[in-house]
Amino acid sequence: LKLTRPFGLANIPDDALVLTVGGDVQQDRVELTFVGWTREGDMRVLGHEVVWGSPTEPPTWQEVEDQLRRQFRHPRGGVLTVDAAIIDSG
């Protein structure tokens, strides 16, 4: 059984006004979760991206930065970008 969501990174919901990313650093990758936030403070998990590579290597962080600079077309017009990100390296 495959469940599909009515929204995602390629299909931003129209009530998403702010976009944030949470990142988790692992030994061989950085996992990034993209979340859209509504005016009421509800969250919409839009997608999850994995950047493979050692967190001690600059190319890994360049790819993370590239992910954080992505732009997403909003259905009401305009573009959403990442407003805030937090990376847990602990």
PDB file of N, CA and C in Angstrom:
ATOM      1  N   LEU A   1       0.848  -1.181   0.000  1.00  0.00           N
ATOM      2  CA  LEU A   1       0.000   0.000   0.000  1.00  0.00           C
ATOM      3  C   LEU A   1       0.888   1.238   0.000  1.00  0.00           C
ATOM      4  N   LYS A   2       0.721   2.072  -0.989  1.00  0.00           N
ATOM      5  CA  LYS A   2       1.492   3.312  -1.065  1.00  0.00           C
ATOM      6  C   LYS A   2       0.567   4.486  -0.771  1.00  0.00           C
ATOM      7  N   LEU A   3       0.939   5.259   0.249  1.00  0.00           N
ATOM      8  CA  LEU A   3       0.155   6.438   0.593  1.00  0.00           C
ATOM      9  C   LEU A   3       0.751   7.647  -0.106  1.00  0.00           C
ATOM     10  N   THR A   4      -0.084   8.492  -0.628  1.00  0.00           N
ATOM     11  CA  THR A   4       0.388   9.719  -1.260  1.00  0.00           C
ATOM     12  C   THR A   4      -0.156  10.914  -0.496  1.00  0.00           C
ATOM     13  N   ARG A   5       0.662  11.920  -0.416  1.00  0.00           N
ATOM     14  CA  ARG A   5       0.247  13.156   0.247  1.00  0.00           C
ATOM     15  C   ARG A   5      -0.240  14.145  -0.799  1.00  0.00           C
ATOM     16  N   PRO A   6      -1.144  15.010  -0.404  1.00  0.00           N
ATOM     17  CA  PRO A   6      -1.611  16.013  -1.363  1.00  0.00           C
ATOM     18  C   PRO A   6      -0.600  17.144  -1.558  1.00  0.00           C
ATOM     19  N   PHE A   7       0.523  17.102  -0.816  1.00  0.00           N
ATOM     20  CA  PHE A   7       1.513  18.160  -0.936  1.00  0.00           C
ATOM     21  C   PHE A   7       2.910  17.596  -0.739  1.00  0.00           C
ATOM     22  N   GLY A   8       3.901  18.391  -1.088  1.00  0.00           N
ATOM     23  CA  GLY A   8       5.307  18.015  -0.954  1.00  0.00           C
ATOM     24  C   GLY A   8       6.171  19.141  -1.472  1.00  0.00           C
ATOM     25  N   LEU A   9       7.448  18.881  -1.649  1.00  0.00           N
ATOM     26  CA  LEU A   9       8.351  19.927  -2.137  1.00  0.00           C
ATOM     27  C   LEU A   9       8.014  20.363  -3.557  1.00  0.00           C
ATOM     28  N   ALA A  10       7.469  19.454  -4.347  1.00  0.00           N
ATOM     29  CA  ALA A  10       7.080  19.809  -5.713  1.00  0.00           C
ATOM     30  C   ALA A  10       5.657  20.354  -5.781  1.00  0.00           C
ATOM     31  N   ASN A  11       4.940  20.278  -4.661  1.00  0.00           N
ATOM     32  CA  ASN A  11       3.545  20.713  -4.614  1.00  0.00           C
ATOM     33  C   ASN A  11       3.287  21.362  -3.252  1.00  0.00           C
ATOM     34  N   ILE A  12       3.795  22.581  -3.085  1.00  0.00           N
ATOM     35  CA  ILE A  12       3.667  23.308  -1.817  1.00  0.00           C
ATOM     36  C   ILE A  12       2.190  23.608  -1.549  1.00  0.00           C
ATOM     37  N   PRO A  13       1.686  23.330  -0.338  1.00  0.00           N
ATOM     38  CA  PRO A  13       0.291  23.655  -0.042  1.00  0.00           C
ATOM     39  C   PRO A  13       0.095  25.172   0.014  1.00  0.00           C
ATOM     40  N   ASP A  14      -1.072  25.626  -0.384  1.00  0.00           N
ATOM     41  CA  ASP A  14      -1.285  27.078  -0.459  1.00  0.00           C
ATOM     42  C   ASP A  14      -1.317  27.753   0.904  1.00  0.00           C
ATOM     43  N   ASP A  15      -1.521  26.973   1.997  1.00  0.00           N
ATOM     44  CA  ASP A  15      -1.529  27.606   3.316  1.00  0.00           C
ATOM     45  C   ASP A  15      -0.133  27.668   3.954  1.00  0.00           C
ATOM     46  N   ALA A  16       0.872  27.145   3.274  1.00  0.00           N
ATOM     47  CA  ALA A  16       2.247  27.220   3.794  1.00  0.00           C
ATOM     48  C   ALA A  16       2.817  28.602   3.483  1.00  0.00           C
ATOM     49  N   LEU A  17       3.188  29.320   4.532  1.00  0.00           N
ATOM     50  CA  LEU A  17       3.677  30.681   4.362  1.00  0.00           C
ATOM     51  C   LEU A  17       5.157  30.832   4.695  1.00  0.00           C
ATOM     52  N   VAL A  18       5.676  29.943   5.517  1.00  0.00           N
ATOM     53  CA  VAL A  18       7.069  29.984   5.956  1.00  0.00           C
ATOM     54  C   VAL A  18       7.649  28.591   5.778  1.00  0.00           C
ATOM     55  N   LEU A  19       8.917  28.542   5.360  1.00  0.00           N
ATOM     56  CA  LEU A  19       9.590  27.264   5.130  1.00  0.00           C
ATOM     57  C   LEU A  19      10.823  27.168   6.022  1.00  0.00           C
ATOM     58  N   THR A  20      10.911  26.070   6.785  1.00  0.00           N
ATOM     59  CA  THR A  20      12.083  25.837   7.632  1.00  0.00           C
ATOM     60  C   THR A  20      12.672  24.468   7.303  1.00  0.00           C
ATOM     61  N   VAL A  21      13.910  24.277   7.758  1.00  0.00           N
ATOM     62  CA  VAL A  21      14.575  22.990   7.573  1.00  0.00           C
ATOM     63  C   VAL A  21      15.232  22.586   8.887  1.00  0.00           C
ATOM     64  N   GLY A  22      15.058  21.335   9.255  1.00  0.00           N
ATOM     65  CA  GLY A  22      15.768  20.753  10.381  1.00  0.00           C
ATOM     66  C   GLY A  22      16.754  19.737   9.847  1.00  0.00           C
ATOM     67  N   GLY A  23      17.993  19.802  10.316  1.00  0.00           N
ATOM     68  CA  GLY A  23      19.018  18.887   9.836  1.00  0.00           C
ATOM     69  C   GLY A  23      19.605  18.062  10.958  1.00  0.00           C
ATOM     70  N   ASP A  24      19.938  16.829  10.646  1.00  0.00           N
ATOM     71  CA  ASP A  24      20.550  15.923  11.614  1.00  0.00           C
ATOM     72  C   ASP A  24      21.830  15.373  10.994  1.00  0.00           C
ATOM     73  N   VAL A  25      22.962  15.590  11.661  1.00  0.00           N
ATOM     74  CA  VAL A  25      24.260  15.148  11.159  1.00  0.00           C
ATOM     75  C   VAL A  25      24.540  13.734  11.657  1.00  0.00           C
ATOM     76  N   GLN A  26      24.860  12.851  10.734  1.00  0.00           N
ATOM     77  CA  GLN A  26      25.261  11.479  11.027  1.00  0.00           C
ATOM     78  C   GLN A  26      26.701  11.280  10.544  1.00  0.00           C
ATOM     79  N   GLN A  27      27.273  10.119  10.797  1.00  0.00           N
ATOM     80  CA  GLN A  27      28.663   9.855  10.414  1.00  0.00           C
ATOM     81  C   GLN A  27      28.912   9.976   8.921  1.00  0.00           C
ATOM     82  N   ASP A  28      27.929   9.564   8.113  1.00  0.00           N
ATOM     83  CA  ASP A  28      28.130   9.490   6.671  1.00  0.00           C
ATOM     84  C   ASP A  28      27.130  10.315   5.865  1.00  0.00           C
ATOM     85  N   ARG A  29      26.386  11.194   6.562  1.00  0.00           N
ATOM     86  CA  ARG A  29      25.344  11.945   5.850  1.00  0.00           C
ATOM     87  C   ARG A  29      24.788  13.058   6.733  1.00  0.00           C
ATOM     88  N   VAL A  30      24.044  13.958   6.076  1.00  0.00           N
ATOM     89  CA  VAL A  30      23.250  14.968   6.773  1.00  0.00           C
ATOM     90  C   VAL A  30      21.820  14.806   6.258  1.00  0.00           C
ATOM     91  N   GLU A  31      20.883  14.597   7.167  1.00  0.00           N
ATOM     92  CA  GLU A  31      19.489  14.419   6.788  1.00  0.00           C
ATOM     93  C   GLU A  31      18.735  15.717   7.032  1.00  0.00           C
ATOM     94  N   LEU A  32      18.007  16.179   6.011  1.00  0.00           N
ATOM     95  CA  LEU A  32      17.313  17.466   6.063  1.00  0.00           C
ATOM     96  C   LEU A  32      15.811  17.251   5.895  1.00  0.00           C
ATOM     97  N   THR A  33      15.022  17.814   6.807  1.00  0.00           N
ATOM     98  CA  THR A  33      13.567  17.738   6.700  1.00  0.00           C
ATOM     99  C   THR A  33      13.016  19.140   6.463  1.00  0.00           C
ATOM    100  N   PHE A  34      12.298  19.288   5.369  1.00  0.00           N
ATOM    101  CA  PHE A  34      11.695  20.568   4.974  1.00  0.00           C
ATOM    102  C   PHE A  34      10.270  20.630   5.509  1.00  0.00           C
ATOM    103  N   VAL A  35       9.943  21.743   6.205  1.00  0.00           N
ATOM    104  CA  VAL A  35       8.624  21.904   6.827  1.00  0.00           C
ATOM    105  C   VAL A  35       8.030  23.247   6.419  1.00  0.00           C
ATOM    106  N   GLY A  36       6.774  23.224   6.005  1.00  0.00           N
ATOM    107  CA  GLY A  36       6.022  24.441   5.735  1.00  0.00           C
ATOM    108  C   GLY A  36       5.161  24.768   6.937  1.00  0.00           C
ATOM    109  N   TRP A  37       5.037  26.045   7.252  1.00  0.00           N
ATOM    110  CA  TRP A  37       4.262  26.500   8.410  1.00  0.00           C
ATOM    111  C   TRP A  37       3.109  27.381   7.953  1.00  0.00           C
ATOM    112  N   THR A  38       1.939  27.163   8.558  1.00  0.00           N
ATOM    113  CA  THR A  38       0.750  27.962   8.218  1.00  0.00           C
ATOM    114  C   THR A  38       0.647  29.174   9.138  1.00  0.00           C
ATOM    115  N   ARG A  39      -0.263  30.052   8.817  1.00  0.00           N
ATOM    116  CA  ARG A  39      -0.526  31.234   9.638  1.00  0.00           C
ATOM    117  C   ARG A  39      -0.933  30.829  11.051  1.00  0.00           C
ATOM    118  N   GLU A  40      -1.620  29.709  11.184  1.00  0.00           N
ATOM    119  CA  GLU A  40      -2.091  29.239  12.492  1.00  0.00           C
ATOM    120  C   GLU A  40      -1.004  28.497  13.274  1.00  0.00           C
ATOM    121  N   GLY A  41       0.168  28.301  12.682  1.00  0.00           N
ATOM    122  CA  GLY A  41       1.258  27.605  13.357  1.00  0.00           C
ATOM    123  C   GLY A  41       1.264  26.106  13.134  1.00  0.00           C
ATOM    124  N   ASP A  42       0.412  25.632  12.236  1.00  0.00           N
ATOM    125  CA  ASP A  42       0.413  24.206  11.893  1.00  0.00           C
ATOM    126  C   ASP A  42       1.586  23.920  10.962  1.00  0.00           C
ATOM    127  N   MET A  43       2.151  22.729  11.102  1.00  0.00           N
ATOM    128  CA  MET A  43       3.275  22.367  10.256  1.00  0.00           C
ATOM    129  C   MET A  43       2.855  21.346   9.207  1.00  0.00           C
ATOM    130  N   ARG A  44       3.521  21.439   8.068  1.00  0.00           N
ATOM    131  CA  ARG A  44       3.306  20.501   6.974  1.00  0.00           C
ATOM    132  C   ARG A  44       4.682  19.961   6.593  1.00  0.00           C
ATOM    133  N   VAL A  45       4.944  18.694   6.878  1.00  0.00           N
ATOM    134  CA  VAL A  45       6.219  18.112   6.470  1.00  0.00           C
ATOM    135  C   VAL A  45       6.173  17.938   4.956  1.00  0.00           C
ATOM    136  N   LEU A  46       7.058  18.643   4.264  1.00  0.00           N
ATOM    137  CA  LEU A  46       7.022  18.686   2.811  1.00  0.00           C
ATOM    138  C   LEU A  46       7.990  17.719   2.145  1.00  0.00           C
ATOM    139  N   GLY A  47       9.071  17.397   2.824  1.00  0.00           N
ATOM    140  CA  GLY A  47      10.024  16.484   2.206  1.00  0.00           C
ATOM    141  C   GLY A  47      11.227  16.224   3.075  1.00  0.00           C
ATOM    142  N   HIS A  48      11.963  15.207   2.675  1.00  0.00           N
ATOM    143  CA  HIS A  48      13.163  14.798   3.398  1.00  0.00           C
ATOM    144  C   HIS A  48      14.246  14.517   2.367  1.00  0.00           C
ATOM    145  N   GLU A  49      15.387  15.156   2.536  1.00  0.00           N
ATOM    146  CA  GLU A  49      16.513  14.964   1.620  1.00  0.00           C
ATOM    147  C   GLU A  49      17.711  14.461   2.409  1.00  0.00           C
ATOM    148  N   VAL A  50      18.469  13.566   1.819  1.00  0.00           N
ATOM    149  CA  VAL A  50      19.682  13.052   2.443  1.00  0.00           C
ATOM    150  C   VAL A  50      20.879  13.503   1.621  1.00  0.00           C
ATOM    151  N   VAL A  51      21.811  14.162   2.283  1.00  0.00           N
ATOM    152  CA  VAL A  51      23.069  14.558   1.656  1.00  0.00           C
ATOM    153  C   VAL A  51      24.116  13.564   2.141  1.00  0.00           C
ATOM    154  N   TRP A  52      24.572  12.724   1.232  1.00  0.00           N
ATOM    155  CA  TRP A  52      25.547  11.706   1.593  1.00  0.00           C
ATOM    156  C   TRP A  52      26.945  12.287   1.573  1.00  0.00           C
ATOM    157  N   GLY A  53      27.738  11.956   2.592  1.00  0.00           N
ATOM    158  CA  GLY A  53      29.118  12.398   2.666  1.00  0.00           C
ATOM    159  C   GLY A  53      29.507  12.650   4.105  1.00  0.00           C
ATOM    160  N   SER A  54      30.785  12.701   4.339  1.00  0.00           N
ATOM    161  CA  SER A  54      31.303  12.923   5.677  1.00  0.00           C
ATOM    162  C   SER A  54      31.073  14.367   6.112  1.00  0.00           C
ATOM    163  N   PRO A  55      30.611  14.563   7.350  1.00  0.00           N
ATOM    164  CA  PRO A  55      30.418  15.929   7.837  1.00  0.00           C
ATOM    165  C   PRO A  55      31.744  16.666   8.077  1.00  0.00           C
ATOM    166  N   THR A  56      32.846  15.973   7.942  1.00  0.00           N
ATOM    167  CA  THR A  56      34.153  16.629   8.085  1.00  0.00           C
ATOM    168  C   THR A  56      34.693  17.122   6.745  1.00  0.00           C
ATOM    169  N   GLU A  57      33.963  16.871   5.659  1.00  0.00           N
ATOM    170  CA  GLU A  57      34.417  17.245   4.315  1.00  0.00           C
ATOM    171  C   GLU A  57      33.617  18.433   3.771  1.00  0.00           C
ATOM    172  N   PRO A  58      34.305  19.453   3.275  1.00  0.00           N
ATOM    173  CA  PRO A  58      33.610  20.634   2.732  1.00  0.00           C
ATOM    174  C   PRO A  58      32.585  20.342   1.632  1.00  0.00           C
ATOM    175  N   PRO A  59      32.804  19.374   0.718  1.00  0.00           N
ATOM    176  CA  PRO A  59      31.774  19.134  -0.307  1.00  0.00           C
ATOM    177  C   PRO A  59      30.408  18.736   0.272  1.00  0.00           C
ATOM    178  N   THR A  60      30.419  18.045   1.412  1.00  0.00           N
ATOM    179  CA  THR A  60      29.150  17.677   2.056  1.00  0.00           C
ATOM    180  C   THR A  60      28.389  18.938   2.454  1.00  0.00           C
ATOM    181  N   TRP A  61      29.095  19.884   3.065  1.00  0.00           N
ATOM    182  CA  TRP A  61      28.445  21.115   3.521  1.00  0.00           C
ATOM    183  C   TRP A  61      28.055  22.016   2.360  1.00  0.00           C
ATOM    184  N   GLN A  62      28.791  21.933   1.239  1.00  0.00           N
ATOM    185  CA  GLN A  62      28.396  22.695   0.055  1.00  0.00           C
ATOM    186  C   GLN A  62      27.064  22.175  -0.469  1.00  0.00           C
ATOM    187  N   GLU A  63      26.901  20.854  -0.463  1.00  0.00           N
ATOM    188  CA  GLU A  63      25.631  20.285  -0.911  1.00  0.00           C
ATOM    189  C   GLU A  63      24.489  20.630   0.048  1.00  0.00           C
ATOM    190  N   VAL A  64      24.778  20.629   1.362  1.00  0.00           N
ATOM    191  CA  VAL A  64      23.762  21.056   2.335  1.00  0.00           C
ATOM    192  C   VAL A  64      23.368  22.500   2.041  1.00  0.00           C
ATOM    193  N   GLU A  65      24.358  23.356   1.826  1.00  0.00           N
ATOM    194  CA  GLU A  65      24.064  24.757   1.519  1.00  0.00           C
ATOM    195  C   GLU A  65      23.229  24.880   0.250  1.00  0.00           C
ATOM    196  N   ASP A  66      23.553  24.092  -0.762  1.00  0.00           N
ATOM    197  CA  ASP A  66      22.758  24.105  -2.001  1.00  0.00           C
ATOM    198  C   ASP A  66      21.310  23.728  -1.724  1.00  0.00           C
ATOM    199  N   GLN A  67      21.097  22.738  -0.864  1.00  0.00           N
ATOM    200  CA  GLN A  67      19.726  22.343  -0.504  1.00  0.00           C
ATOM    201  C   GLN A  67      19.001  23.498   0.193  1.00  0.00           C
ATOM    202  N   LEU A  68      19.709  24.187   1.079  1.00  0.00           N
ATOM    203  CA  LEU A  68      19.091  25.283   1.838  1.00  0.00           C
ATOM    204  C   LEU A  68      18.803  26.508   0.974  1.00  0.00           C
ATOM    205  N   ARG A  69      19.437  26.609  -0.176  1.00  0.00           N
ATOM    206  CA  ARG A  69      19.210  27.744  -1.077  1.00  0.00           C
ATOM    207  C   ARG A  69      18.151  27.455  -2.146  1.00  0.00           C
ATOM    208  N   ARG A  70      17.557  26.290  -2.103  1.00  0.00           N
ATOM    209  CA  ARG A  70      16.532  25.939  -3.093  1.00  0.00           C
ATOM    210  C   ARG A  70      15.354  26.910  -3.018  1.00  0.00           C
ATOM    211  N   GLN A  71      14.659  27.012  -4.126  1.00  0.00           N
ATOM    212  CA  GLN A  71      13.457  27.837  -4.205  1.00  0.00           C
ATOM    213  C   GLN A  71      12.293  26.961  -4.637  1.00  0.00           C
ATOM    214  N   PHE A  72      11.110  27.265  -4.090  1.00  0.00           N
ATOM    215  CA  PHE A  72       9.933  26.463  -4.352  1.00  0.00           C
ATOM    216  C   PHE A  72       8.786  27.364  -4.791  1.00  0.00           C
ATOM    217  N   ARG A  73       8.168  27.048  -5.890  1.00  0.00           N
ATOM    218  CA  ARG A  73       7.046  27.817  -6.423  1.00  0.00           C
ATOM    219  C   ARG A  73       5.838  27.649  -5.517  1.00  0.00           C
ATOM    220  N   HIS A  74       5.262  28.785  -5.080  1.00  0.00           N
ATOM    221  CA  HIS A  74       4.066  28.757  -4.240  1.00  0.00           C
ATOM    222  C   HIS A  74       2.836  28.781  -5.141  1.00  0.00           C
ATOM    223  N   PRO A  75       1.783  28.017  -4.820  1.00  0.00           N
ATOM    224  CA  PRO A  75       0.613  27.962  -5.693  1.00  0.00           C
ATOM    225  C   PRO A  75      -0.143  29.286  -5.816  1.00  0.00           C
ATOM    226  N   ARG A  76       0.037  30.201  -4.874  1.00  0.00           N
ATOM    227  CA  ARG A  76      -0.618  31.515  -4.965  1.00  0.00           C
ATOM    228  C   ARG A  76       0.242  32.527  -5.705  1.00  0.00           C
ATOM    229  N   GLY A  77       1.366  32.061  -6.237  1.00  0.00           N
ATOM    230  CA  GLY A  77       2.292  32.948  -6.931  1.00  0.00           C
ATOM    231  C   GLY A  77       3.498  33.215  -6.050  1.00  0.00           C
ATOM    232  N   GLY A  78       4.585  33.551  -6.654  1.00  0.00           N
ATOM    233  CA  GLY A  78       5.791  33.824  -5.897  1.00  0.00           C
ATOM    234  C   GLY A  78       6.581  32.560  -5.595  1.00  0.00           C
ATOM    235  N   VAL A  79       7.594  32.753  -4.800  1.00  0.00           N
ATOM    236  CA  VAL A  79       8.533  31.676  -4.503  1.00  0.00           C
ATOM    237  C   VAL A  79       8.796  31.638  -3.000  1.00  0.00           C
ATOM    238  N   LEU A  80       8.849  30.440  -2.431  1.00  0.00           N
ATOM    239  CA  LEU A  80       9.260  30.267  -1.042  1.00  0.00           C
ATOM    240  C   LEU A  80      10.726  29.860  -1.011  1.00  0.00           C
ATOM    241  N   THR A  81      11.442  30.417  -0.062  1.00  0.00           N
ATOM    242  CA  THR A  81      12.807  29.993   0.216  1.00  0.00           C
ATOM    243  C   THR A  81      12.885  29.604   1.681  1.00  0.00           C
ATOM    244  N   VAL A  82      13.964  28.996   2.084  1.00  0.00           N
ATOM    245  CA  VAL A  82      14.127  28.581   3.474  1.00  0.00           C
ATOM    246  C   VAL A  82      14.302  29.820   4.340  1.00  0.00           C
ATOM    247  N   ASP A  83      13.404  30.003   5.280  1.00  0.00           N
ATOM    248  CA  ASP A  83      13.463  31.157   6.179  1.00  0.00           C
ATOM    249  C   ASP A  83      14.381  30.927   7.376  1.00  0.00           C
ATOM    250  N   ALA A  84      14.486  29.679   7.808  1.00  0.00           N
ATOM    251  CA  ALA A  84      15.341  29.347   8.946  1.00  0.00           C
ATOM    252  C   ALA A  84      15.714  27.885   8.871  1.00  0.00           C
ATOM    253  N   ALA A  85      16.893  27.573   9.396  1.00  0.00           N
ATOM    254  CA  ALA A  85      17.333  26.180   9.447  1.00  0.00           C
ATOM    255  C   ALA A  85      18.076  25.959  10.763  1.00  0.00           C
ATOM    256  N   ILE A  86      17.973  24.745  11.257  1.00  0.00           N
ATOM    257  CA  ILE A  86      18.718  24.363  12.441  1.00  0.00           C
ATOM    258  C   ILE A  86      19.357  23.017  12.157  1.00  0.00           C
ATOM    259  N   ILE A  87      20.619  22.886  12.512  1.00  0.00           N
ATOM    260  CA  ILE A  87      21.369  21.656  12.274  1.00  0.00           C
ATOM    261  C   ILE A  87      21.812  21.093  13.625  1.00  0.00           C
ATOM    262  N   ASP A  88      21.436  19.849  13.906  1.00  0.00           N
ATOM    263  CA  ASP A  88      21.841  19.180  15.143  1.00  0.00           C
ATOM    264  C   ASP A  88      23.091  18.357  14.849  1.00  0.00           C
ATOM    265  N   SER A  89      24.184  18.761  15.413  1.00  0.00           N
ATOM    266  CA  SER A  89      25.428  18.046  15.168  1.00  0.00           C
ATOM    267  C   SER A  89      25.843  17.204  16.370  1.00  0.00           C
ATOM    268  N   GLY A  90      24.980  17.170  17.386  1.00  0.00           N
ATOM    269  CA  GLY A  90      25.314  16.575  18.665  1.00  0.00           C
ATOM    270  C   GLY A  90      25.351  15.109  18.696  1.00  0.00           C
TER     271      GLY A  90
END
